[in-house]
Amino acid sequence: MVRQTPLLLLFLQIGCCNAFTALDQRWRIASNLPRSTRRRASKENENNEEVSDVNVLGTALRSCCKDVRNTGVGTGFYRNGYCCTGEQDLGRHTVCCQVTNDFLDFSKSVGNDLSTPAPQYMFPGLKEGDIWCLCAQRWAQAYQAGKAPKIFLQATHEKTLDYATFEILREFAIDQEEADKRLDQLNQDREKLKKLL
C-alpha cells in the first residue's frame, strides 16, 4: 500500500514549494488537466519499491503480475512485473489486463499469437485469466473490434492514454471501484490544500 503523508507534515518535511510540486503531480488527473502537463515523480509503490512510472490515474504505477502461472516470468517489456515503458519498448506494453480466450483468438487472427510460448523472449504463452501487460495499440485495436479484455487501471501506464481515453479505460476496469475511491481521495486532498491557501 502507498504510504500517505499528512498534508501538514509534507509541508514541514520538504517545504512549501516542494510540497506543492509533489501534491500537484497527484492531483492533475483528478482536476482533468491535460496529460501533457503532468510531471513524473518518484514514489513508492505498494511494495515500498521505488517506482518513477505513473499510472492512468496519475499515481504511482502498481505491479501488474510478477509471476505468470508460477513460471517465474514477470510481465511487462522489462519482465519485472510492471507495465513500464521506455525507448526500447516500441510496442508500448503499458496495459495491464486479464486476458480472455475471445481476446487471444482475436489477437492471433490479426497476426499476434499470444497463446504460444516463446522462451527466447521469456514469454510463457497466455491462457484465459492470465494477467499480462499488453501493447496499448493492440488493446485499442481489440476495443475497436469489441474484443478488448478487462484492465487494471492502477497498473496501467499513463502512456496508454495516447491510445485510449480515460473514460474508455474506466469502462473496462476490474479495479474501477478502488480507482474511483483513489480519485475521490485526490480531490479531497486538493480541496484541503485550497482551504490552506
N, C-alpha and C. Protein backbone atom coordinates (compact mmCIF):
# COMPACT_ATOMS: atom_id res chain seq x y z
N MET A 1 0.83 -1.18 0.00
CA MET A 1 0.00 0.00 0.00
C MET A 1 0.88 1.25 0.00
N VAL A 2 0.52 2.26 -0.77
CA VAL A 2 1.27 3.50 -0.84
C VAL A 2 1.13 4.23 0.48
N ARG A 3 2.27 4.67 1.04
CA ARG A 3 2.22 5.42 2.28
C ARG A 3 1.68 6.81 2.03
N GLN A 4 0.72 7.24 2.84
CA GLN A 4 0.14 8.57 2.75
C GLN A 4 0.84 9.48 3.75
N THR A 5 1.31 10.62 3.31
CA THR A 5 1.92 11.59 4.20
C THR A 5 0.89 12.67 4.48
N PRO A 6 0.59 12.94 5.76
CA PRO A 6 -0.35 14.00 6.07
C PRO A 6 0.10 15.31 5.45
N LEU A 7 -0.84 16.11 5.01
CA LEU A 7 -0.57 17.34 4.29
C LEU A 7 0.35 18.28 5.04
N LEU A 8 0.08 18.55 6.30
CA LEU A 8 0.89 19.48 7.07
C LEU A 8 2.31 18.94 7.25
N LEU A 9 2.45 17.64 7.49
CA LEU A 9 3.76 17.03 7.65
C LEU A 9 4.55 17.15 6.35
N LEU A 10 3.88 17.00 5.23
CA LEU A 10 4.53 17.13 3.93
C LEU A 10 5.11 18.54 3.77
N PHE A 11 4.35 19.56 4.16
CA PHE A 11 4.83 20.92 4.09
C PHE A 11 6.06 21.12 4.97
N LEU A 12 6.02 20.55 6.17
CA LEU A 12 7.13 20.72 7.10
C LEU A 12 8.38 19.97 6.65
N GLN A 13 8.18 18.79 6.07
CA GLN A 13 9.32 17.95 5.68
C GLN A 13 10.06 18.49 4.46
N ILE A 14 9.33 18.91 3.46
CA ILE A 14 10.00 19.27 2.21
C ILE A 14 9.81 20.72 1.80
N GLY A 15 9.16 21.49 2.62
CA GLY A 15 8.99 22.91 2.32
C GLY A 15 7.77 23.16 1.48
N CYS A 16 7.26 24.34 1.57
CA CYS A 16 6.01 24.71 0.92
C CYS A 16 6.05 24.51 -0.59
N CYS A 17 7.06 25.06 -1.27
CA CYS A 17 7.11 24.97 -2.74
C CYS A 17 7.24 23.53 -3.21
N ASN A 18 8.11 22.76 -2.55
CA ASN A 18 8.27 21.36 -2.93
C ASN A 18 7.00 20.56 -2.65
N ALA A 19 6.30 20.89 -1.59
CA ALA A 19 5.05 20.20 -1.27
C ALA A 19 4.01 20.46 -2.36
N PHE A 20 3.95 21.70 -2.83
CA PHE A 20 3.02 21.99 -3.92
C PHE A 20 3.36 21.18 -5.16
N THR A 21 4.64 21.05 -5.45
CA THR A 21 5.06 20.26 -6.61
C THR A 21 4.66 18.80 -6.45
N ALA A 22 4.90 18.23 -5.27
CA ALA A 22 4.55 16.82 -5.02
C ALA A 22 3.04 16.61 -5.08
N LEU A 23 2.29 17.50 -4.50
CA LEU A 23 0.84 17.36 -4.50
C LEU A 23 0.25 17.61 -5.88
N ASP A 24 0.87 18.53 -6.61
CA ASP A 24 0.40 18.84 -7.96
C ASP A 24 0.39 17.58 -8.83
N GLN A 25 1.43 16.75 -8.72
CA GLN A 25 1.50 15.51 -9.50
C GLN A 25 0.32 14.60 -9.19
N ARG A 26 -0.05 14.51 -7.92
CA ARG A 26 -1.11 13.60 -7.51
C ARG A 26 -2.48 14.10 -7.96
N TRP A 27 -2.63 15.38 -8.23
CA TRP A 27 -3.96 15.93 -8.48
C TRP A 27 -4.27 16.24 -9.93
N ARG A 28 -3.32 16.16 -10.78
CA ARG A 28 -3.57 16.56 -12.17
C ARG A 28 -4.69 15.75 -12.82
N ILE A 29 -4.69 14.44 -12.64
CA ILE A 29 -5.73 13.63 -13.27
C ILE A 29 -7.10 13.94 -12.67
N ALA A 30 -7.14 14.18 -11.36
CA ALA A 30 -8.41 14.46 -10.70
C ALA A 30 -8.99 15.80 -11.14
N SER A 31 -8.14 16.71 -11.54
CA SER A 31 -8.63 18.02 -11.95
C SER A 31 -8.80 18.15 -13.46
N ASN A 32 -8.59 17.04 -14.18
CA ASN A 32 -8.79 16.98 -15.63
C ASN A 32 -7.88 17.91 -16.41
N LEU A 33 -6.68 18.18 -15.91
CA LEU A 33 -5.72 18.96 -16.67
C LEU A 33 -5.16 18.07 -17.76
N PRO A 34 -4.68 18.64 -18.86
CA PRO A 34 -4.14 17.82 -19.95
C PRO A 34 -2.98 16.96 -19.47
N ARG A 35 -2.93 15.72 -19.97
CA ARG A 35 -1.86 14.81 -19.60
C ARG A 35 -0.50 15.37 -19.93
N SER A 36 -0.40 16.12 -21.01
CA SER A 36 0.90 16.62 -21.44
C SER A 36 1.52 17.56 -20.43
N THR A 37 0.73 18.08 -19.49
CA THR A 37 1.29 18.98 -18.48
C THR A 37 1.70 18.25 -17.22
N ARG A 38 1.46 16.93 -17.15
CA ARG A 38 1.83 16.17 -15.95
C ARG A 38 3.34 15.99 -15.88
N ARG A 39 3.87 16.03 -14.69
CA ARG A 39 5.28 15.73 -14.46
C ARG A 39 5.39 14.38 -13.80
N ARG A 40 6.45 13.66 -14.11
CA ARG A 40 6.68 12.38 -13.46
C ARG A 40 7.42 12.61 -12.15
N ALA A 41 7.06 11.85 -11.16
CA ALA A 41 7.72 11.97 -9.87
C ALA A 41 7.95 10.59 -9.29
N SER A 42 9.06 10.41 -8.63
CA SER A 42 9.33 9.13 -7.98
C SER A 42 8.44 8.98 -6.76
N LYS A 43 7.88 7.79 -6.61
CA LYS A 43 7.02 7.48 -5.48
C LYS A 43 7.27 6.04 -5.08
N GLU A 44 6.83 5.67 -3.90
CA GLU A 44 6.91 4.27 -3.51
C GLU A 44 5.61 3.59 -3.88
N ASN A 45 5.72 2.36 -4.37
CA ASN A 45 4.52 1.60 -4.70
C ASN A 45 4.07 0.80 -3.49
N GLU A 46 3.12 -0.11 -3.71
CA GLU A 46 2.56 -0.88 -2.60
C GLU A 46 3.56 -1.81 -1.94
N ASN A 47 4.67 -2.11 -2.58
CA ASN A 47 5.69 -2.98 -2.01
C ASN A 47 6.90 -2.18 -1.50
N ASN A 48 6.72 -0.87 -1.34
CA ASN A 48 7.78 0.03 -0.91
C ASN A 48 8.99 0.02 -1.84
N GLU A 49 8.77 -0.29 -3.12
CA GLU A 49 9.82 -0.22 -4.12
C GLU A 49 9.74 1.14 -4.78
N GLU A 50 10.88 1.67 -5.18
CA GLU A 50 10.89 2.97 -5.84
C GLU A 50 10.40 2.80 -7.28
N VAL A 51 9.36 3.51 -7.63
CA VAL A 51 8.79 3.45 -8.97
C VAL A 51 8.64 4.88 -9.48
N SER A 52 9.17 5.17 -10.66
CA SER A 52 9.06 6.52 -11.19
C SER A 52 7.97 6.61 -12.25
N ASP A 53 7.38 5.49 -12.61
CA ASP A 53 6.33 5.49 -13.63
C ASP A 53 4.99 5.79 -12.98
N VAL A 54 4.10 6.37 -13.79
CA VAL A 54 2.80 6.83 -13.33
C VAL A 54 1.71 6.08 -14.07
N ASN A 55 0.63 5.76 -13.36
CA ASN A 55 -0.50 5.07 -13.99
C ASN A 55 -1.49 6.08 -14.58
N VAL A 56 -2.57 5.58 -15.15
CA VAL A 56 -3.55 6.44 -15.81
C VAL A 56 -4.33 7.33 -14.83
N LEU A 57 -4.21 7.05 -13.53
CA LEU A 57 -4.84 7.90 -12.52
C LEU A 57 -3.93 9.07 -12.15
N GLY A 58 -2.65 8.98 -12.50
CA GLY A 58 -1.69 10.00 -12.13
C GLY A 58 -0.98 9.67 -10.83
N THR A 59 -1.11 8.43 -10.36
CA THR A 59 -0.46 7.99 -9.13
C THR A 59 0.62 6.96 -9.48
N ALA A 60 1.36 6.49 -8.48
CA ALA A 60 2.43 5.53 -8.72
C ALA A 60 1.90 4.26 -9.36
N LEU A 61 2.59 3.79 -10.37
CA LEU A 61 2.22 2.58 -11.09
C LEU A 61 2.33 1.37 -10.17
N ARG A 62 1.29 0.55 -10.14
CA ARG A 62 1.30 -0.69 -9.36
C ARG A 62 1.79 -1.85 -10.20
N SER A 63 2.19 -2.90 -9.53
CA SER A 63 2.63 -4.11 -10.21
C SER A 63 1.45 -4.75 -10.92
N CYS A 64 1.70 -5.29 -12.08
CA CYS A 64 0.67 -5.98 -12.85
C CYS A 64 0.69 -7.47 -12.51
N CYS A 65 1.79 -8.15 -12.80
CA CYS A 65 1.94 -9.58 -12.48
C CYS A 65 3.42 -9.94 -12.50
N LYS A 66 3.93 -10.35 -11.35
CA LYS A 66 5.35 -10.66 -11.25
C LYS A 66 5.68 -12.13 -11.50
N ASP A 67 4.67 -12.98 -11.60
CA ASP A 67 4.92 -14.41 -11.79
C ASP A 67 3.71 -15.05 -12.48
N VAL A 68 3.74 -15.11 -13.78
CA VAL A 68 2.62 -15.64 -14.56
C VAL A 68 2.53 -17.16 -14.38
N ARG A 69 1.40 -17.61 -13.81
CA ARG A 69 1.14 -19.05 -13.59
C ARG A 69 2.32 -19.80 -12.98
N ASN A 70 3.03 -19.18 -12.06
CA ASN A 70 4.17 -19.79 -11.37
C ASN A 70 5.28 -20.24 -12.31
N THR A 71 5.45 -19.49 -13.41
CA THR A 71 6.51 -19.79 -14.37
C THR A 71 7.81 -19.10 -14.00
N GLY A 72 7.73 -18.14 -13.06
CA GLY A 72 8.90 -17.35 -12.71
C GLY A 72 9.08 -16.16 -13.64
N VAL A 73 8.18 -16.01 -14.60
CA VAL A 73 8.27 -14.92 -15.56
C VAL A 73 7.31 -13.80 -15.16
N GLY A 74 7.85 -12.59 -15.06
CA GLY A 74 7.02 -11.42 -14.81
C GLY A 74 6.58 -10.81 -16.12
N THR A 75 5.52 -10.04 -16.06
CA THR A 75 5.01 -9.39 -17.26
C THR A 75 5.73 -8.08 -17.51
N GLY A 76 5.37 -7.44 -18.58
CA GLY A 76 5.94 -6.14 -18.94
C GLY A 76 7.11 -6.30 -19.89
N PHE A 77 7.40 -5.22 -20.60
CA PHE A 77 8.51 -5.24 -21.55
C PHE A 77 9.82 -5.64 -20.87
N TYR A 78 10.01 -5.19 -19.64
CA TYR A 78 11.24 -5.48 -18.90
C TYR A 78 11.13 -6.74 -18.05
N ARG A 79 10.00 -7.42 -18.11
CA ARG A 79 9.72 -8.67 -17.37
C ARG A 79 9.92 -8.50 -15.86
N ASN A 80 9.61 -7.29 -15.37
CA ASN A 80 9.75 -7.01 -13.94
C ASN A 80 8.40 -6.98 -13.21
N GLY A 81 7.34 -7.31 -13.93
CA GLY A 81 6.01 -7.33 -13.33
C GLY A 81 5.24 -6.04 -13.49
N TYR A 82 5.87 -5.02 -14.05
CA TYR A 82 5.24 -3.71 -14.23
C TYR A 82 5.05 -3.41 -15.71
N CYS A 83 3.99 -2.66 -16.02
CA CYS A 83 3.74 -2.23 -17.40
C CYS A 83 4.48 -0.93 -17.68
N CYS A 84 5.79 -0.94 -17.37
CA CYS A 84 6.65 0.21 -17.63
C CYS A 84 7.01 0.24 -19.11
N THR A 85 7.41 1.39 -19.57
CA THR A 85 7.81 1.52 -20.96
C THR A 85 9.03 2.41 -21.06
N GLY A 86 9.68 2.38 -22.18
CA GLY A 86 10.87 3.19 -22.42
C GLY A 86 11.16 3.24 -23.90
N GLU A 87 12.30 3.82 -24.25
CA GLU A 87 12.65 3.99 -25.66
C GLU A 87 12.73 2.67 -26.41
N GLN A 88 13.20 1.61 -25.74
CA GLN A 88 13.35 0.31 -26.41
C GLN A 88 12.00 -0.38 -26.64
N ASP A 89 11.00 0.00 -25.89
CA ASP A 89 9.69 -0.65 -25.96
C ASP A 89 8.85 -0.01 -27.08
N LEU A 90 9.11 -0.41 -28.29
CA LEU A 90 8.40 0.16 -29.43
C LEU A 90 6.93 -0.22 -29.44
N GLY A 91 6.57 -1.35 -28.81
CA GLY A 91 5.19 -1.80 -28.77
C GLY A 91 4.37 -1.15 -27.68
N ARG A 92 4.99 -0.43 -26.77
CA ARG A 92 4.31 0.21 -25.64
C ARG A 92 3.46 -0.80 -24.86
N HIS A 93 4.13 -1.70 -24.16
CA HIS A 93 3.49 -2.74 -23.34
C HIS A 93 3.00 -2.11 -22.04
N THR A 94 1.92 -1.35 -22.10
CA THR A 94 1.51 -0.49 -20.99
C THR A 94 0.15 -0.80 -20.38
N VAL A 95 -0.61 -1.72 -20.97
CA VAL A 95 -1.97 -2.01 -20.50
C VAL A 95 -1.97 -3.30 -19.68
N CYS A 96 -2.25 -3.18 -18.40
CA CYS A 96 -2.34 -4.36 -17.53
C CYS A 96 -3.75 -4.93 -17.65
N CYS A 97 -3.84 -6.13 -18.19
CA CYS A 97 -5.18 -6.72 -18.42
C CYS A 97 -5.23 -8.17 -18.00
N GLN A 98 -6.45 -8.65 -17.91
CA GLN A 98 -6.69 -10.07 -17.67
C GLN A 98 -7.23 -10.64 -18.98
N VAL A 99 -6.43 -11.47 -19.64
CA VAL A 99 -6.80 -11.92 -20.98
C VAL A 99 -7.94 -12.93 -20.95
N THR A 100 -8.67 -12.94 -22.05
CA THR A 100 -9.77 -13.88 -22.26
C THR A 100 -9.47 -14.69 -23.52
N ASN A 101 -10.13 -15.84 -23.67
CA ASN A 101 -9.96 -16.62 -24.89
C ASN A 101 -10.42 -15.82 -26.11
N ASP A 102 -11.49 -15.06 -25.94
CA ASP A 102 -12.00 -14.22 -27.03
C ASP A 102 -10.92 -13.24 -27.51
N PHE A 103 -10.24 -12.60 -26.57
CA PHE A 103 -9.17 -11.68 -26.94
C PHE A 103 -8.00 -12.42 -27.57
N LEU A 104 -7.59 -13.54 -26.98
CA LEU A 104 -6.45 -14.30 -27.51
C LEU A 104 -6.72 -14.77 -28.93
N ASP A 105 -7.94 -15.22 -29.21
CA ASP A 105 -8.31 -15.63 -30.58
C ASP A 105 -8.25 -14.43 -31.52
N PHE A 106 -8.75 -13.29 -31.07
CA PHE A 106 -8.70 -12.07 -31.89
C PHE A 106 -7.25 -11.69 -32.19
N SER A 107 -6.42 -11.68 -31.16
CA SER A 107 -5.03 -11.27 -31.34
C SER A 107 -4.32 -12.19 -32.33
N LYS A 108 -4.58 -13.49 -32.22
CA LYS A 108 -3.97 -14.44 -33.16
C LYS A 108 -4.47 -14.19 -34.58
N SER A 109 -5.74 -13.84 -34.72
CA SER A 109 -6.33 -13.61 -36.05
C SER A 109 -5.74 -12.38 -36.74
N VAL A 110 -5.18 -11.45 -35.96
CA VAL A 110 -4.57 -10.25 -36.56
C VAL A 110 -3.04 -10.34 -36.55
N GLY A 111 -2.52 -11.55 -36.34
CA GLY A 111 -1.09 -11.78 -36.50
C GLY A 111 -0.24 -11.72 -35.25
N ASN A 112 -0.85 -11.72 -34.08
CA ASN A 112 -0.07 -11.67 -32.84
C ASN A 112 -0.51 -12.82 -31.93
N ASP A 113 0.14 -13.97 -32.10
CA ASP A 113 -0.21 -15.17 -31.33
C ASP A 113 0.36 -15.06 -29.92
N LEU A 114 -0.50 -14.79 -28.97
CA LEU A 114 -0.08 -14.65 -27.58
C LEU A 114 -0.28 -15.93 -26.77
N SER A 115 -0.79 -16.97 -27.42
CA SER A 115 -1.04 -18.24 -26.73
C SER A 115 0.16 -19.18 -26.77
N THR A 116 1.00 -19.03 -27.75
CA THR A 116 2.14 -19.92 -27.94
C THR A 116 3.36 -19.42 -27.17
N PRO A 117 3.95 -20.25 -26.32
CA PRO A 117 5.15 -19.83 -25.58
C PRO A 117 6.30 -19.48 -26.52
N ALA A 118 7.09 -18.49 -26.11
CA ALA A 118 8.30 -18.09 -26.85
C ALA A 118 9.41 -17.91 -25.81
N PRO A 119 10.05 -19.03 -25.42
CA PRO A 119 11.06 -18.97 -24.35
C PRO A 119 12.20 -17.99 -24.62
N GLN A 120 12.55 -17.79 -25.88
CA GLN A 120 13.63 -16.87 -26.22
C GLN A 120 13.33 -15.42 -25.80
N TYR A 121 12.04 -15.12 -25.59
CA TYR A 121 11.61 -13.80 -25.12
C TYR A 121 11.08 -13.85 -23.69
N MET A 122 11.35 -14.94 -23.00
CA MET A 122 10.82 -15.16 -21.64
C MET A 122 9.30 -14.97 -21.64
N PHE A 123 8.66 -15.56 -22.65
CA PHE A 123 7.21 -15.45 -22.79
C PHE A 123 6.57 -16.82 -22.62
N PRO A 124 5.75 -16.98 -21.56
CA PRO A 124 5.19 -18.30 -21.27
C PRO A 124 4.00 -18.70 -22.11
N GLY A 125 3.50 -17.81 -22.95
CA GLY A 125 2.24 -18.08 -23.65
C GLY A 125 1.10 -17.82 -22.69
N LEU A 126 0.05 -17.20 -23.16
CA LEU A 126 -1.04 -16.80 -22.27
C LEU A 126 -2.25 -17.70 -22.39
N LYS A 127 -2.95 -17.84 -21.28
CA LYS A 127 -4.20 -18.59 -21.20
C LYS A 127 -5.25 -17.69 -20.57
N GLU A 128 -6.50 -18.02 -20.81
CA GLU A 128 -7.58 -17.21 -20.23
C GLU A 128 -7.37 -17.04 -18.72
N GLY A 129 -7.52 -15.80 -18.27
CA GLY A 129 -7.36 -15.49 -16.86
C GLY A 129 -5.98 -14.97 -16.50
N ASP A 130 -4.99 -15.17 -17.37
CA ASP A 130 -3.66 -14.65 -17.09
C ASP A 130 -3.69 -13.12 -17.09
N ILE A 131 -2.82 -12.55 -16.28
CA ILE A 131 -2.68 -11.10 -16.20
C ILE A 131 -1.37 -10.74 -16.89
N TRP A 132 -1.43 -9.79 -17.83
CA TRP A 132 -0.28 -9.50 -18.68
C TRP A 132 -0.31 -8.05 -19.13
N CYS A 133 0.86 -7.50 -19.41
CA CYS A 133 0.96 -6.15 -19.98
C CYS A 133 0.86 -6.24 -21.50
N LEU A 134 -0.23 -5.75 -22.02
CA LEU A 134 -0.45 -5.75 -23.48
C LEU A 134 0.08 -4.48 -24.11
N CYS A 135 0.34 -4.57 -25.40
CA CYS A 135 0.66 -3.37 -26.17
C CYS A 135 -0.59 -2.50 -26.24
N ALA A 136 -0.42 -1.23 -25.98
CA ALA A 136 -1.55 -0.31 -25.96
C ALA A 136 -2.28 -0.27 -27.31
N GLN A 137 -1.53 -0.31 -28.38
CA GLN A 137 -2.15 -0.28 -29.70
C GLN A 137 -2.98 -1.54 -29.95
N ARG A 138 -2.50 -2.69 -29.48
CA ARG A 138 -3.25 -3.95 -29.65
C ARG A 138 -4.54 -3.89 -28.83
N TRP A 139 -4.47 -3.35 -27.60
CA TRP A 139 -5.67 -3.23 -26.78
C TRP A 139 -6.68 -2.31 -27.46
N ALA A 140 -6.21 -1.20 -28.00
CA ALA A 140 -7.11 -0.25 -28.68
C ALA A 140 -7.73 -0.92 -29.91
N GLN A 141 -6.94 -1.71 -30.63
CA GLN A 141 -7.44 -2.43 -31.80
C GLN A 141 -8.52 -3.43 -31.36
N ALA A 142 -8.27 -4.13 -30.28
CA ALA A 142 -9.26 -5.08 -29.76
C ALA A 142 -10.51 -4.36 -29.28
N TYR A 143 -10.35 -3.20 -28.71
CA TYR A 143 -11.50 -2.40 -28.28
C TYR A 143 -12.37 -2.03 -29.50
N GLN A 144 -11.74 -1.59 -30.57
CA GLN A 144 -12.47 -1.23 -31.79
C GLN A 144 -13.22 -2.43 -32.36
N ALA A 145 -12.66 -3.63 -32.16
CA ALA A 145 -13.28 -4.85 -32.68
C ALA A 145 -14.25 -5.47 -31.67
N GLY A 146 -14.41 -4.86 -30.51
CA GLY A 146 -15.31 -5.41 -29.49
C GLY A 146 -14.73 -6.61 -28.76
N LYS A 147 -13.42 -6.73 -28.72
CA LYS A 147 -12.75 -7.90 -28.12
C LYS A 147 -11.79 -7.52 -26.98
N ALA A 148 -11.82 -6.29 -26.52
CA ALA A 148 -10.86 -5.84 -25.51
C ALA A 148 -11.08 -6.54 -24.18
N PRO A 149 -9.99 -6.98 -23.54
CA PRO A 149 -10.10 -7.60 -22.21
C PRO A 149 -10.20 -6.53 -21.13
N LYS A 150 -10.63 -6.94 -19.95
CA LYS A 150 -10.70 -6.05 -18.79
C LYS A 150 -9.29 -5.67 -18.35
N ILE A 151 -9.18 -4.50 -17.70
CA ILE A 151 -7.86 -4.00 -17.31
C ILE A 151 -7.83 -3.61 -15.83
N PHE A 152 -6.62 -3.37 -15.35
CA PHE A 152 -6.37 -2.84 -14.01
C PHE A 152 -5.82 -1.43 -14.18
N LEU A 153 -6.64 -0.43 -13.87
CA LEU A 153 -6.25 0.96 -14.08
C LEU A 153 -4.98 1.33 -13.33
N GLN A 154 -4.87 0.89 -12.09
CA GLN A 154 -3.74 1.32 -11.25
C GLN A 154 -2.41 0.67 -11.66
N ALA A 155 -2.48 -0.35 -12.52
CA ALA A 155 -1.27 -0.99 -13.03
C ALA A 155 -1.08 -0.72 -14.52
N THR A 156 -1.91 0.15 -15.08
CA THR A 156 -1.82 0.53 -16.50
C THR A 156 -1.09 1.87 -16.60
N HIS A 157 -0.02 1.88 -17.37
CA HIS A 157 0.86 3.04 -17.50
C HIS A 157 0.14 4.21 -18.17
N GLU A 158 0.51 5.42 -17.77
CA GLU A 158 -0.12 6.62 -18.32
C GLU A 158 0.04 6.76 -19.84
N LYS A 159 1.07 6.17 -20.43
CA LYS A 159 1.26 6.25 -21.89
C LYS A 159 0.10 5.61 -22.65
N THR A 160 -0.68 4.77 -21.98
CA THR A 160 -1.84 4.16 -22.60
C THR A 160 -2.84 5.22 -23.04
N LEU A 161 -2.84 6.34 -22.36
CA LEU A 161 -3.78 7.43 -22.70
C LEU A 161 -3.50 8.04 -24.07
N ASP A 162 -2.37 7.69 -24.68
CA ASP A 162 -2.10 8.10 -26.06
C ASP A 162 -2.93 7.28 -27.05
N TYR A 163 -3.51 6.17 -26.58
CA TYR A 163 -4.23 5.23 -27.44
C TYR A 163 -5.72 5.10 -27.11
N ALA A 164 -6.09 5.43 -25.88
CA ALA A 164 -7.50 5.33 -25.46
C ALA A 164 -7.75 6.36 -24.37
N THR A 165 -8.96 6.87 -24.34
CA THR A 165 -9.31 7.87 -23.32
C THR A 165 -9.46 7.21 -21.96
N PHE A 166 -9.34 8.01 -20.92
CA PHE A 166 -9.53 7.51 -19.57
C PHE A 166 -10.94 6.95 -19.40
N GLU A 167 -11.92 7.60 -19.99
CA GLU A 167 -13.31 7.16 -19.86
C GLU A 167 -13.49 5.76 -20.44
N ILE A 168 -12.87 5.49 -21.58
CA ILE A 168 -12.96 4.16 -22.19
C ILE A 168 -12.26 3.14 -21.30
N LEU A 169 -11.06 3.46 -20.85
CA LEU A 169 -10.32 2.54 -19.99
C LEU A 169 -11.11 2.23 -18.72
N ARG A 170 -11.73 3.25 -18.15
CA ARG A 170 -12.50 3.08 -16.91
C ARG A 170 -13.65 2.09 -17.10
N GLU A 171 -14.28 2.10 -18.29
CA GLU A 171 -15.37 1.15 -18.58
C GLU A 171 -14.90 -0.30 -18.47
N PHE A 172 -13.63 -0.55 -18.73
CA PHE A 172 -13.09 -1.91 -18.75
C PHE A 172 -12.32 -2.26 -17.47
N ALA A 173 -12.39 -1.39 -16.48
CA ALA A 173 -11.57 -1.55 -15.28
C ALA A 173 -12.10 -2.60 -14.33
N ILE A 174 -11.25 -3.55 -13.99
CA ILE A 174 -11.55 -4.53 -12.96
C ILE A 174 -11.50 -3.85 -11.59
N ASP A 175 -10.58 -2.90 -11.46
CA ASP A 175 -10.39 -2.19 -10.20
C ASP A 175 -11.07 -0.81 -10.19
N GLN A 176 -12.18 -0.70 -10.90
CA GLN A 176 -12.87 0.58 -11.06
C GLN A 176 -13.27 1.19 -9.72
N GLU A 177 -13.83 0.40 -8.83
CA GLU A 177 -14.29 0.93 -7.55
C GLU A 177 -13.12 1.48 -6.73
N GLU A 178 -12.04 0.72 -6.66
CA GLU A 178 -10.86 1.16 -5.92
C GLU A 178 -10.24 2.41 -6.57
N ALA A 179 -10.20 2.43 -7.90
CA ALA A 179 -9.65 3.58 -8.61
C ALA A 179 -10.50 4.82 -8.38
N ASP A 180 -11.82 4.66 -8.39
CA ASP A 180 -12.71 5.79 -8.13
C ASP A 180 -12.50 6.35 -6.72
N LYS A 181 -12.30 5.46 -5.76
CA LYS A 181 -12.03 5.90 -4.38
C LYS A 181 -10.73 6.69 -4.33
N ARG A 182 -9.73 6.22 -5.06
CA ARG A 182 -8.43 6.90 -5.09
C ARG A 182 -8.58 8.30 -5.68
N LEU A 183 -9.35 8.41 -6.77
CA LEU A 183 -9.57 9.73 -7.38
C LEU A 183 -10.36 10.64 -6.44
N ASP A 184 -11.33 10.09 -5.74
CA ASP A 184 -12.08 10.88 -4.75
C ASP A 184 -11.15 11.40 -3.66
N GLN A 185 -10.23 10.56 -3.21
CA GLN A 185 -9.27 10.98 -2.18
C GLN A 185 -8.38 12.10 -2.70
N LEU A 186 -7.94 11.98 -3.94
CA LEU A 186 -7.11 13.04 -4.54
C LEU A 186 -7.88 14.36 -4.59
N ASN A 187 -9.14 14.29 -4.96
CA ASN A 187 -9.97 15.50 -5.00
C ASN A 187 -10.17 16.09 -3.61
N GLN A 188 -10.35 15.24 -2.61
CA GLN A 188 -10.50 15.73 -1.23
C GLN A 188 -9.21 16.40 -0.76
N ASP A 189 -8.07 15.81 -1.08
CA ASP A 189 -6.78 16.42 -0.73
C ASP A 189 -6.62 17.78 -1.40
N ARG A 190 -7.07 17.86 -2.63
CA ARG A 190 -6.99 19.13 -3.37
C ARG A 190 -7.82 20.21 -2.67
N GLU A 191 -9.00 19.86 -2.22
CA GLU A 191 -9.87 20.82 -1.52
C GLU A 191 -9.22 21.26 -0.20
N LYS A 192 -8.59 20.33 0.52
CA LYS A 192 -7.92 20.68 1.76
C LYS A 192 -6.81 21.69 1.48
N LEU A 193 -6.07 21.46 0.42
CA LEU A 193 -4.98 22.36 0.07
C LEU A 193 -5.52 23.75 -0.28
N LYS A 194 -6.61 23.80 -1.03
CA LYS A 194 -7.21 25.09 -1.38
C LYS A 194 -7.59 25.87 -0.16
N LYS A 195 -8.12 25.18 0.86
CA LYS A 195 -8.51 25.85 2.11
C LYS A 195 -7.29 26.40 2.85
N LEU A 196 -6.16 25.70 2.76
CA LEU A 196 -4.94 26.17 3.41
C LEU A 196 -4.39 27.42 2.73
N LEU A 197 -4.66 27.54 1.47
CA LEU A 197 -4.15 28.70 0.73
C LEU A 197 -5.04 29.87 1.01
